[in-house]
Amino acid sequence: MFEQRLVLFATLPLFACSPANQENLQTSNAVAVNESGETAVQDEAAGLPSYNPENIPGMARIKNKSYVLKSALWNTLNIPVCWENSSNIDDRSRVKDAVTASWQANSKVKFFGWGNCAPNAQGIRISVADTGPHTKGLGTQIDGIQNGMVLNFTFKNWSQPCTESEEIRRSCVKSIAVHEFGHALGFAHEQNRPDTPGECTKKPQGTSGDLMLTPWDPSSVMNYCNPVYNNDGKLSKSDVDTMKEIYP
């Protein structure tokens, strides 16, 4: 069922991202009805009700938008990155390559450094631990913050399905890195948006954005309701469009 809803919640300090938190989309065979009593047409090919904010009173004003925190966007296109503790050169390279091939390749942002963190290092400071990956804020909120981003390379305690094979483990390392660097660039979780449709049942998590630029995107790497975990580390068209808009 579609709902017209405004999400209100307390700001959370961490942006933990887990396969367990990303269940498959739930659909209904019935015609969807929003709170205003209007119906949404069933898309028989996709098996999902179509969603058009313009058909919901008060929602047309927020169409064609994506979700970032404007106040946390970097005022530089050159963002330093360093590692707090990991000596795993191979996985560090996988993270760098995944981020370079996604966010950096689709904007003028350049991540540089990627060495060990100095005590007073600025930019994105990455710690590696066998816990839920997260950032301690969005965008510049983690600038120079020790352990501002936490990634997982082993998955022995957290998200053990990532250890089913070495290929899967490497895929988890790369796709999670792309998701977390989205937060580091100022992207909020897509399901936090006030125009999130009813078939997305994931609860908002972390600080919401305040700037929306593209339609609600079920394929975003930032969307917990994406049936493909972190969209396999591949940016959606809306992710790319937003990146080019905020970091031209």
C-alpha atoms as a PDB file:
ATOM      1  CA  MET A   1       0.000   0.000   0.000  1.00  0.00           C
ATOM      2  CA  PHE A   2       1.221   3.448  -0.858  1.00  0.00           C
ATOM      3  CA  GLU A   3       1.275   6.043   1.857  1.00  0.00           C
ATOM      4  CA  GLN A   4       1.668   9.781   1.833  1.00  0.00           C
ATOM      5  CA  ARG A   5       3.988  10.218   4.772  1.00  0.00           C
ATOM      6  CA  LEU A   6       6.572  12.550   6.223  1.00  0.00           C
ATOM      7  CA  VAL A   7       9.336  10.734   8.063  1.00  0.00           C
ATOM      8  CA  LEU A   8      10.191  12.214  11.445  1.00  0.00           C
ATOM      9  CA  PHE A   9      12.929  10.663  13.538  1.00  0.00           C
ATOM     10  CA  ALA A  10      15.811  11.411  15.854  1.00  0.00           C
ATOM     11  CA  THR A  11      19.211  11.939  14.239  1.00  0.00           C
ATOM     12  CA  LEU A  12      21.389   8.853  14.594  1.00  0.00           C
ATOM     13  CA  PRO A  13      25.178   9.151  14.791  1.00  0.00           C
ATOM     14  CA  LEU A  14      26.060   6.129  12.660  1.00  0.00           C
ATOM     15  CA  PHE A  15      25.107   4.924   9.202  1.00  0.00           C
ATOM     16  CA  ALA A  16      25.406   1.159   9.603  1.00  0.00           C
ATOM     17  CA  CYS A  17      24.788  -0.790   6.412  1.00  0.00           C
ATOM     18  CA  SER A  18      24.037  -4.493   6.553  1.00  0.00           C
ATOM     19  CA  PRO A  19      22.710  -7.131   4.152  1.00  0.00           C
ATOM     20  CA  ALA A  20      20.406  -8.123   7.001  1.00  0.00           C
ATOM     21  CA  ASN A  21      18.922  -4.639   6.872  1.00  0.00           C
ATOM     22  CA  GLN A  22      18.138  -4.880   3.160  1.00  0.00           C
ATOM     23  CA  GLU A  23      15.293  -7.339   2.649  1.00  0.00           C
ATOM     24  CA  ASN A  24      13.671  -7.931  -0.709  1.00  0.00           C
ATOM     25  CA  LEU A  25      10.967  -5.550  -1.880  1.00  0.00           C
ATOM     26  CA  GLN A  26       7.500  -6.528  -0.706  1.00  0.00           C
ATOM     27  CA  THR A  27       4.759  -6.190  -3.302  1.00  0.00           C
ATOM     28  CA  SER A  28       1.000  -6.530  -3.371  1.00  0.00           C
ATOM     29  CA  ASN A  29      -1.318  -7.789  -6.092  1.00  0.00           C
ATOM     30  CA  ALA A  30      -3.982  -5.310  -5.071  1.00  0.00           C
ATOM     31  CA  VAL A  31      -4.352  -1.823  -6.472  1.00  0.00           C
ATOM     32  CA  ALA A  32      -2.512   0.538  -4.138  1.00  0.00           C
ATOM     33  CA  VAL A  33      -4.404   3.277  -2.348  1.00  0.00           C
ATOM     34  CA  ASN A  34      -2.731   6.229  -0.660  1.00  0.00           C
ATOM     35  CA  GLU A  35      -4.017   8.023   2.423  1.00  0.00           C
ATOM     36  CA  SER A  36      -5.875  10.585   0.314  1.00  0.00           C
ATOM     37  CA  GLY A  37      -7.930   7.757  -1.228  1.00  0.00           C
ATOM     38  CA  GLU A  38      -6.320   7.916  -4.667  1.00  0.00           C
ATOM     39  CA  THR A  39      -5.293   4.746  -6.444  1.00  0.00           C
ATOM     40  CA  ALA A  40      -1.968   3.898  -8.036  1.00  0.00           C
ATOM     41  CA  VAL A  41      -2.014   1.915 -11.271  1.00  0.00           C
ATOM     42  CA  GLN A  42      -0.571  -1.593 -11.109  1.00  0.00           C
ATOM     43  CA  ASP A  43       2.472  -2.135 -13.343  1.00  0.00           C
ATOM     44  CA  GLU A  44       1.768  -5.716 -14.437  1.00  0.00           C
ATOM     45  CA  ALA A  45       5.127  -6.164 -16.162  1.00  0.00           C
ATOM     46  CA  ALA A  46       7.143  -5.258 -13.089  1.00  0.00           C
ATOM     47  CA  GLY A  47       4.669  -6.633 -10.570  1.00  0.00           C
ATOM     48  CA  LEU A  48       4.814  -3.344  -8.671  1.00  0.00           C
ATOM     49  CA  PRO A  49       2.318  -0.501  -8.376  1.00  0.00           C
ATOM     50  CA  SER A  50       3.457   2.564 -10.274  1.00  0.00           C
ATOM     51  CA  TYR A  51       4.393   5.570  -8.159  1.00  0.00           C
ATOM     52  CA  ASN A  52       3.848   9.149  -9.253  1.00  0.00           C
ATOM     53  CA  PRO A  53       4.276  11.892  -6.626  1.00  0.00           C
ATOM     54  CA  GLU A  54       2.330  14.288  -8.859  1.00  0.00           C
ATOM     55  CA  ASN A  55      -0.820  12.240  -8.214  1.00  0.00           C
ATOM     56  CA  ILE A  56      -0.548  12.753  -4.459  1.00  0.00           C
ATOM     57  CA  PRO A  57      -1.586  16.151  -3.062  1.00  0.00           C
ATOM     58  CA  GLY A  58       1.385  18.051  -1.687  1.00  0.00           C
ATOM     59  CA  MET A  59       3.948  15.717  -3.252  1.00  0.00           C
ATOM     60  CA  ALA A  60       4.415  17.350  -6.670  1.00  0.00           C
ATOM     61  CA  ARG A  61       6.639  19.984  -5.113  1.00  0.00           C
ATOM     62  CA  ILE A  62       9.268  17.344  -4.261  1.00  0.00           C
ATOM     63  CA  LYS A  63       9.377  15.442  -7.543  1.00  0.00           C
ATOM     64  CA  ASN A  64      12.578  15.075  -9.586  1.00  0.00           C
ATOM     65  CA  LYS A  65      14.894  15.066  -6.597  1.00  0.00           C
ATOM     66  CA  SER A  66      17.650  13.011  -4.945  1.00  0.00           C
ATOM     67  CA  TYR A  67      18.826  13.090  -1.345  1.00  0.00           C
ATOM     68  CA  VAL A  68      21.966  14.768  -0.040  1.00  0.00           C
ATOM     69  CA  LEU A  69      22.819  16.970   2.927  1.00  0.00           C
ATOM     70  CA  LYS A  70      23.658  20.303   1.324  1.00  0.00           C
ATOM     71  CA  SER A  71      25.336  21.736   4.405  1.00  0.00           C
ATOM     72  CA  ALA A  72      27.780  18.782   4.476  1.00  0.00           C
ATOM     73  CA  LEU A  73      28.946  18.916   0.843  1.00  0.00           C
ATOM     74  CA  TRP A  74      32.686  19.368   0.388  1.00  0.00           C
ATOM     75  CA  ASN A  75      33.801  22.788  -0.854  1.00  0.00           C
ATOM     76  CA  THR A  76      36.761  21.176  -2.594  1.00  0.00           C
ATOM     77  CA  LEU A  77      36.946  18.593  -5.363  1.00  0.00           C
ATOM     78  CA  ASN A  78      40.179  17.141  -3.931  1.00  0.00           C
ATOM     79  CA  ILE A  79      39.402  15.004  -0.892  1.00  0.00           C
ATOM     80  CA  PRO A  80      42.170  13.278   1.090  1.00  0.00           C
ATOM     81  CA  VAL A  81      41.736   9.670   2.220  1.00  0.00           C
ATOM     82  CA  CYS A  82      43.849   7.707   4.697  1.00  0.00           C
ATOM     83  CA  TRP A  83      43.822   4.419   6.616  1.00  0.00           C
ATOM     84  CA  GLU A  84      43.871   4.269  10.415  1.00  0.00           C
ATOM     85  CA  ASN A  85      44.881   0.669  10.970  1.00  0.00           C
ATOM     86  CA  SER A  86      44.680  -1.793   8.071  1.00  0.00           C
ATOM     87  CA  SER A  87      47.785  -3.362   6.537  1.00  0.00           C
ATOM     88  CA  ASN A  88      45.769  -5.414   4.020  1.00  0.00           C
ATOM     89  CA  ILE A  89      47.143  -3.845   0.851  1.00  0.00           C
ATOM     90  CA  ASP A  90      44.975  -5.949  -1.478  1.00  0.00           C
ATOM     91  CA  ASP A  91      41.671  -4.964   0.140  1.00  0.00           C
ATOM     92  CA  ARG A  92      42.786  -1.367   0.495  1.00  0.00           C
ATOM     93  CA  SER A  93      43.401  -1.393  -3.257  1.00  0.00           C
ATOM     94  CA  ARG A  94      39.966  -2.932  -3.877  1.00  0.00           C
ATOM     95  CA  VAL A  95      38.333  -0.112  -1.940  1.00  0.00           C
ATOM     96  CA  LYS A  96      40.309   2.538  -3.804  1.00  0.00           C
ATOM     97  CA  ASP A  97      39.561   0.963  -7.185  1.00  0.00           C
ATOM     98  CA  ALA A  98      35.819   0.621  -6.448  1.00  0.00           C
ATOM     99  CA  VAL A  99      35.506   4.244  -5.308  1.00  0.00           C
ATOM    100  CA  THR A 100      37.603   5.514  -8.217  1.00  0.00           C
ATOM    101  CA  ALA A 101      35.501   3.575 -10.739  1.00  0.00           C
ATOM    102  CA  SER A 102      32.212   4.855  -9.298  1.00  0.00           C
ATOM    103  CA  TRP A 103      32.015   8.231  -7.554  1.00  0.00           C
ATOM    104  CA  GLN A 104      35.278   9.624  -8.907  1.00  0.00           C
ATOM    105  CA  ALA A 105      34.735   8.403 -12.472  1.00  0.00           C
ATOM    106  CA  ASN A 106      31.364  10.169 -12.626  1.00  0.00           C
ATOM    107  CA  SER A 107      32.375  13.564 -11.266  1.00  0.00           C
ATOM    108  CA  LYS A 108      35.298  15.927 -10.931  1.00  0.00           C
ATOM    109  CA  VAL A 109      35.981  14.765  -7.366  1.00  0.00           C
ATOM    110  CA  LYS A 110      39.456  13.326  -6.860  1.00  0.00           C
ATOM    111  CA  PHE A 111      40.263  11.190  -3.834  1.00  0.00           C
ATOM    112  CA  PHE A 112      43.972  11.315  -3.085  1.00  0.00           C
ATOM    113  CA  GLY A 113      46.471  10.060  -0.525  1.00  0.00           C
ATOM    114  CA  TRP A 114      45.232   6.580   0.458  1.00  0.00           C
ATOM    115  CA  GLY A 115      48.219   6.054   2.751  1.00  0.00           C
ATOM    116  CA  ASN A 116      48.397   5.648   6.531  1.00  0.00           C
ATOM    117  CA  CYS A 117      46.787   8.401   8.597  1.00  0.00           C
ATOM    118  CA  ALA A 118      48.956  10.942  10.369  1.00  0.00           C
ATOM    119  CA  PRO A 119      47.761  11.925  13.879  1.00  0.00           C
ATOM    120  CA  ASN A 120      46.293  15.197  12.572  1.00  0.00           C
ATOM    121  CA  ALA A 121      45.132  13.917   9.180  1.00  0.00           C
ATOM    122  CA  GLN A 122      42.193  15.643   7.531  1.00  0.00           C
ATOM    123  CA  GLY A 123      39.671  14.244   5.081  1.00  0.00           C
ATOM    124  CA  ILE A 124      38.236  10.714   5.214  1.00  0.00           C
ATOM    125  CA  ARG A 125      39.915   8.560   7.871  1.00  0.00           C
ATOM    126  CA  ILE A 126      39.101   4.860   7.434  1.00  0.00           C
ATOM    127  CA  SER A 127      39.285   2.229  10.146  1.00  0.00           C
ATOM    128  CA  VAL A 128      38.841  -1.485   9.442  1.00  0.00           C
ATOM    129  CA  ALA A 129      37.014  -3.673  11.973  1.00  0.00           C
ATOM    130  CA  ASP A 130      34.829  -6.785  11.957  1.00  0.00           C
ATOM    131  CA  THR A 131      31.674  -4.822  12.701  1.00  0.00           C
ATOM    132  CA  GLY A 132      28.892  -3.126  10.774  1.00  0.00           C
ATOM    133  CA  PRO A 133      30.380  -0.648   8.268  1.00  0.00           C
ATOM    134  CA  HIS A 134      29.319   2.928   8.924  1.00  0.00           C
ATOM    135  CA  THR A 135      30.287   6.569   8.859  1.00  0.00           C
ATOM    136  CA  LYS A 136      30.024   8.980  11.768  1.00  0.00           C
ATOM    137  CA  GLY A 137      28.136  11.526   9.729  1.00  0.00           C
ATOM    138  CA  LEU A 138      27.630  12.773   6.194  1.00  0.00           C
ATOM    139  CA  GLY A 139      30.119  14.602   4.007  1.00  0.00           C
ATOM    140  CA  THR A 140      32.303  17.115   5.821  1.00  0.00           C
ATOM    141  CA  GLN A 141      30.859  16.002   9.155  1.00  0.00           C
ATOM    142  CA  ILE A 142      33.573  13.297   9.088  1.00  0.00           C
ATOM    143  CA  ASP A 143      36.377  15.554   7.817  1.00  0.00           C
ATOM    144  CA  GLY A 144      39.403  14.770   9.989  1.00  0.00           C
ATOM    145  CA  ILE A 145      37.351  12.621  12.389  1.00  0.00           C
ATOM    146  CA  GLN A 146      39.320   9.643  13.679  1.00  0.00           C
ATOM    147  CA  ASN A 147      37.614   6.418  12.523  1.00  0.00           C
ATOM    148  CA  GLY A 148      35.137   8.615  10.661  1.00  0.00           C
ATOM    149  CA  MET A 149      34.469   5.690   8.318  1.00  0.00           C
ATOM    150  CA  VAL A 150      34.565   2.037   9.350  1.00  0.00           C
ATOM    151  CA  LEU A 151      34.833  -0.762   6.779  1.00  0.00           C
ATOM    152  CA  ASN A 152      34.912  -4.543   7.188  1.00  0.00           C
ATOM    153  CA  PHE A 153      37.309  -6.864   5.328  1.00  0.00           C
ATOM    154  CA  THR A 154      36.858 -10.197   7.149  1.00  0.00           C
ATOM    155  CA  PHE A 155      33.100 -10.589   7.891  1.00  0.00           C
ATOM    156  CA  LYS A 156      33.722 -13.302  10.485  1.00  0.00           C
ATOM    157  CA  ASN A 157      31.424 -11.738  13.078  1.00  0.00           C
ATOM    158  CA  TRP A 158      29.327  -9.358  10.982  1.00  0.00           C
ATOM    159  CA  SER A 159      27.526 -10.389   7.761  1.00  0.00           C
ATOM    160  CA  GLN A 160      28.958 -13.884   7.609  1.00  0.00           C
ATOM    161  CA  PRO A 161      27.296 -14.620   4.216  1.00  0.00           C
ATOM    162  CA  CYS A 162      30.051 -12.441   2.749  1.00  0.00           C
ATOM    163  CA  THR A 163      32.504 -15.260   3.571  1.00  0.00           C
ATOM    164  CA  GLU A 164      30.770 -17.937   1.479  1.00  0.00           C
ATOM    165  CA  SER A 165      33.523 -17.586  -1.105  1.00  0.00           C
ATOM    166  CA  GLU A 166      36.496 -15.337  -1.757  1.00  0.00           C
ATOM    167  CA  GLU A 167      34.676 -13.874  -4.749  1.00  0.00           C
ATOM    168  CA  ILE A 168      31.689 -12.924  -2.587  1.00  0.00           C
ATOM    169  CA  ARG A 169      33.943 -11.488   0.117  1.00  0.00           C
ATOM    170  CA  ARG A 170      35.701  -9.263  -2.398  1.00  0.00           C
ATOM    171  CA  SER A 171      32.354  -8.170  -3.823  1.00  0.00           C
ATOM    172  CA  CYS A 172      31.159  -7.218  -0.325  1.00  0.00           C
ATOM    173  CA  VAL A 173      34.335  -5.215   0.300  1.00  0.00           C
ATOM    174  CA  LYS A 174      33.867  -3.247  -2.918  1.00  0.00           C
ATOM    175  CA  SER A 175      30.106  -2.644  -2.830  1.00  0.00           C
ATOM    176  CA  ILE A 176      30.128  -1.611   0.836  1.00  0.00           C
ATOM    177  CA  ALA A 177      32.967   0.817   0.138  1.00  0.00           C
ATOM    178  CA  VAL A 178      30.944   2.467  -2.635  1.00  0.00           C
ATOM    179  CA  HIS A 179      27.951   2.824  -0.297  1.00  0.00           C
ATOM    180  CA  GLU A 180      29.966   4.283   2.575  1.00  0.00           C
ATOM    181  CA  PHE A 181      31.807   6.722   0.312  1.00  0.00           C
ATOM    182  CA  GLY A 182      28.370   7.883  -0.807  1.00  0.00           C
ATOM    183  CA  HIS A 183      27.794   8.947   2.798  1.00  0.00           C
ATOM    184  CA  ALA A 184      31.243  10.539   2.871  1.00  0.00           C
ATOM    185  CA  LEU A 185      30.217  12.653  -0.128  1.00  0.00           C
ATOM    186  CA  GLY A 186      27.041  13.815   1.595  1.00  0.00           C
ATOM    187  CA  PHE A 187      24.461  11.265   0.371  1.00  0.00           C
ATOM    188  CA  ALA A 188      21.807  10.212   2.893  1.00  0.00           C
ATOM    189  CA  HIS A 189      19.983   6.892   2.754  1.00  0.00           C
ATOM    190  CA  GLU A 190      17.431   6.943  -0.059  1.00  0.00           C
ATOM    191  CA  GLN A 191      14.700   5.391   2.103  1.00  0.00           C
ATOM    192  CA  ASN A 192      14.909   8.432   4.415  1.00  0.00           C
ATOM    193  CA  ARG A 193      13.248  10.626   1.804  1.00  0.00           C
ATOM    194  CA  PRO A 194       9.787  12.014   2.598  1.00  0.00           C
ATOM    195  CA  ASP A 195       8.513  10.765  -0.786  1.00  0.00           C
ATOM    196  CA  THR A 196       9.585   7.158  -0.192  1.00  0.00           C
ATOM    197  CA  PRO A 197       6.777   4.963  -1.592  1.00  0.00           C
ATOM    198  CA  GLY A 198       4.876   2.499   0.538  1.00  0.00           C
ATOM    199  CA  GLU A 199       6.416  -0.641  -0.950  1.00  0.00           C
ATOM    200  CA  CYS A 200       9.731   0.363   0.639  1.00  0.00           C
ATOM    201  CA  THR A 201       9.290  -0.731   4.231  1.00  0.00           C
ATOM    202  CA  LYS A 202      12.804  -0.015   5.482  1.00  0.00           C
ATOM    203  CA  LYS A 203      12.931   2.451   8.338  1.00  0.00           C
ATOM    204  CA  PRO A 204      14.900   5.691   7.975  1.00  0.00           C
ATOM    205  CA  GLN A 205      18.416   5.471   9.325  1.00  0.00           C
ATOM    206  CA  GLY A 206      20.921   8.208  10.024  1.00  0.00           C
ATOM    207  CA  THR A 207      20.704  11.906   9.284  1.00  0.00           C
ATOM    208  CA  SER A 208      18.387  12.853   6.450  1.00  0.00           C
ATOM    209  CA  GLY A 209      19.346  15.059   3.536  1.00  0.00           C
ATOM    210  CA  ASP A 210      17.986  18.516   2.842  1.00  0.00           C
ATOM    211  CA  LEU A 211      18.508  18.717  -0.934  1.00  0.00           C
ATOM    212  CA  MET A 212      16.659  16.478  -3.402  1.00  0.00           C
ATOM    213  CA  LEU A 213      17.587  16.458  -7.082  1.00  0.00           C
ATOM    214  CA  THR A 214      16.269  13.276  -8.766  1.00  0.00           C
ATOM    215  CA  PRO A 215      13.209  11.008  -8.359  1.00  0.00           C
ATOM    216  CA  TRP A 216      13.115   8.436  -5.578  1.00  0.00           C
ATOM    217  CA  ASP A 217      15.521   5.811  -6.833  1.00  0.00           C
ATOM    218  CA  PRO A 218      14.976   2.092  -6.070  1.00  0.00           C
ATOM    219  CA  SER A 219      18.314   1.307  -7.782  1.00  0.00           C
ATOM    220  CA  SER A 220      20.473   3.746  -5.819  1.00  0.00           C
ATOM    221  CA  VAL A 221      23.524   2.387  -4.021  1.00  0.00           C
ATOM    222  CA  MET A 222      22.178   4.330  -1.035  1.00  0.00           C
ATOM    223  CA  ASN A 223      18.784   2.590  -0.936  1.00  0.00           C
ATOM    224  CA  TYR A 224      18.137  -0.212   1.584  1.00  0.00           C
ATOM    225  CA  CYS A 225      15.061  -1.166  -0.466  1.00  0.00           C
ATOM    226  CA  ASN A 226      17.192  -1.967  -3.492  1.00  0.00           C
ATOM    227  CA  PRO A 227      16.829  -5.758  -3.946  1.00  0.00           C
ATOM    228  CA  VAL A 228      20.439  -5.844  -5.209  1.00  0.00           C
ATOM    229  CA  TYR A 229      22.738  -5.369  -2.220  1.00  0.00           C
ATOM    230  CA  ASN A 230      24.319  -1.905  -2.562  1.00  0.00           C
ATOM    231  CA  ASN A 231      23.410  -2.226  -6.254  1.00  0.00           C
ATOM    232  CA  ASP A 232      26.523  -4.408  -6.554  1.00  0.00           C
ATOM    233  CA  GLY A 233      28.640  -1.289  -6.120  1.00  0.00           C
ATOM    234  CA  LYS A 234      27.363   0.255  -9.360  1.00  0.00           C
ATOM    235  CA  LEU A 235      25.957   3.766  -9.345  1.00  0.00           C
ATOM    236  CA  SER A 236      22.457   4.180 -10.727  1.00  0.00           C
ATOM    237  CA  LYS A 237      21.696   6.846 -13.312  1.00  0.00           C
ATOM    238  CA  SER A 238      20.233   9.037 -10.574  1.00  0.00           C
ATOM    239  CA  ASP A 239      23.323   8.550  -8.415  1.00  0.00           C
ATOM    240  CA  VAL A 240      25.436   9.738 -11.349  1.00  0.00           C
ATOM    241  CA  ASP A 241      23.121  12.648 -12.173  1.00  0.00           C
ATOM    242  CA  THR A 242      23.176  13.811  -8.552  1.00  0.00           C
ATOM    243  CA  MET A 243      26.948  13.515  -8.318  1.00  0.00           C
ATOM    244  CA  LYS A 244      27.411  15.646 -11.414  1.00  0.00           C
ATOM    245  CA  GLU A 245      24.998  18.223 -10.031  1.00  0.00           C
ATOM    246  CA  ILE A 246      26.549  18.635  -6.584  1.00  0.00           C
ATOM    247  CA  TYR A 247      30.200  18.285  -7.634  1.00  0.00           C
ATOM    248  CA  PRO A 248      30.241  19.821 -11.142  1.00  0.00           C
END
